[in-house]
Amino acid sequence: MTQSRAAAVVEVFQPKLFTALKQGYGLDRLRADATAGLTVAIVALPLSMAIAIASGATPERGLYAAVIGGFIISALGGSMHQIGGPAGAFIVLVASSIERHGLDGFFLATIIAGFIMIALGAFRLGTLIRYIPEPVTVGFTAGIAVIIAASQLRDLFGLTLEGKEPAALIPKLGVLFAAFPSFNLYAIGVALFSGALILGIQRINKALPSLLIAVIAASLLVWAFNLPVETIGSRFGGVPSGLPAPALPTLSFAKVQAVLPDALAIALLGAIESLLSAVVADSMTGRRHRSNTELVAQGFANLACPLFGGLCATGTIARTATNIRSGATSPVAGMLHALFILAAMVLAAPLMARIPLAALGALLAIVAWNMAEKHTFWALARGNRAEAAVLLATFLLTVFRDLTEGILVGVVLGSVLFAVRMAQLAEVSSQMRLFDADGEDSAPHGARGSGDIIIHRLDGPLFFGTAPNMQEVMGRIGHTPKAMVFDFSGVPFMDSSGVAMLDRHIRKVEQTGAKVYFSGVSAPVELALRQFGLPKSRVPRLKNLQEAYDRASSELRASGPL
């Protein structure tokens, strides 16, 4: 490996754990990280089980992801405070994937997604994900919140279903409505008690682990009064007291083809969610995460989680924020959080079986309400019509169609909106004479008003969105000049469409024997011109407009009288 390639690899993969250890890691920092890790584990323990159940899996699948994924993401990640594990944003995607391909097919899709994430990081594409428009992220987050809330209706009302609960929203609501006569008043009471306790504790003291306290209190209530409500033990048979042995899912070419769309969706959503979480952590701490390193870590985590039977893992915003507020100083806090969850599984698995599902349903309903970004959603919906259209399209497609479809359509619409706005900013002006700073005509006397030299001043980006308009404006010149100067001093960048438009216009002009000159060409524009067929050997580049005009005038005089 050459030195440059080695440097590139180091640039992509620089875990923050190494940075923290190089800074000096002593007992004080370990104590602070242990406290933060324990606090986050208390929050993550019930949440991981609730997310797994809502995803159509058993509760231990979420715990496995929190242990394996959480440890690897913290150990190898590019953020100093990121906490990894199962995320509520994945509930819809995981549930639909398991419904289509079974648990084994979902594990295969997650492994493929891990390889995709590693590739994204290796090719340094992590920074691109941050350019997803705000209406898209708000739209799909709100859509996910609606679906999460809908997925908890069964447990909140204690409904009894004859068959399997569908993953899609409309069929799900139909099945739940048909089963509504089977509602359980005790389950509703437990859900209301748990939700009220969570909200009450958060209002009094946000530092207290409201989720864990509510789950423990609800469990004691159900046990003390022997209430007839479903628990983890009654539905799933309990929680294992440790990690299983690693095992590979069934692998075949046909299976890979079948799960590939799900793998792409998991990779895309995992990359977006983790990098958004890292950005939130940066805003809270003033640090700067390494996006490509973070993607590589997410990839390795999602390679490992399925081997142990865990759900896909990603960076989680709420748990990361809790980690920071609890005083974490390094990724060691996230690694310890994973070990604390494992210790809880080993020591308290029989007690977890007593947790009522109605309490976990209330927990996730509150999580869905908090993640919906309601104020931002309504602000965007009432604002610019184009951005509101992007927001609503993403939201509605996420809720009623598919999460991946919602994101892709939202990004496409956002890109079109960006192109239109850039096209409105770009303009081209043409003039026959050049005036100096004193306002006097600096053109040669013979060319005054004759139109022998036409100057096109381009302003704004010249790309596929602006090229047609500029071509139309330049095509309005009714006569053919003897020389043409393009002033690029106001053009920040060009793409292949912009160069192709210029090339067509220049060829048309050159067929009449006229000469063409460029001025004020910046380095990015020069690179585009050379790459797409307009090298310096074909069209001269002058430093500024005055030099280009003087060059054109002198060459015209040399070739004959103007």
Foldseek 3Di string as FASTA:
>chain_A
DDPVVVVLVCLLFDAQQVVVVVVPDDPVQVVLLLQLLQLLLLQQQLLQQLLQVLLVHASQQQLLQQQLLLQLLLVGFQFFQFGKTDELLCSLLSNQQCVVQNLLLQLVLLLLLLVVLLVCSSVPVLVVLVPQDPLLVLQLLLLSLVLLLLSLPCQLFVFDFPDDQHSARPSNVVRCVVRNVRGDPVSNVLLVQLLVQLVVCCVVDVLDSSLSVSQVVSLCVCVVVVDPFAFSCNVPNFHALAFDAFDHRDDDPVSCVVSNVSSVVCNSVQSNQQVVLSVLLCVVPVDDGSRSSSSNSLSVSSNPSVRRSHHRMHGHNVSSVSSVVSRNDGSVSSNSSSVVSSNCSNPPRVVNRSGGSSSSSSVSNVVSVVSSPVVVLVVQCPDDPLSVVLNNQLNVCVNRNNNVVSSVVSSVSVVVVVLQVQLVQKDKDKDQFDADPVRDTPADPQSVVVSQEMEIEIAGEQEPSNLVVHLVVVVVPPDQHQEYEYECLRYPAYALSRLVSVVVVVVVNVVVVHAYEYENQDPRHQVRNVVNPNHCVRHPYDHGDVVRSVVRRVVVVVVHGD
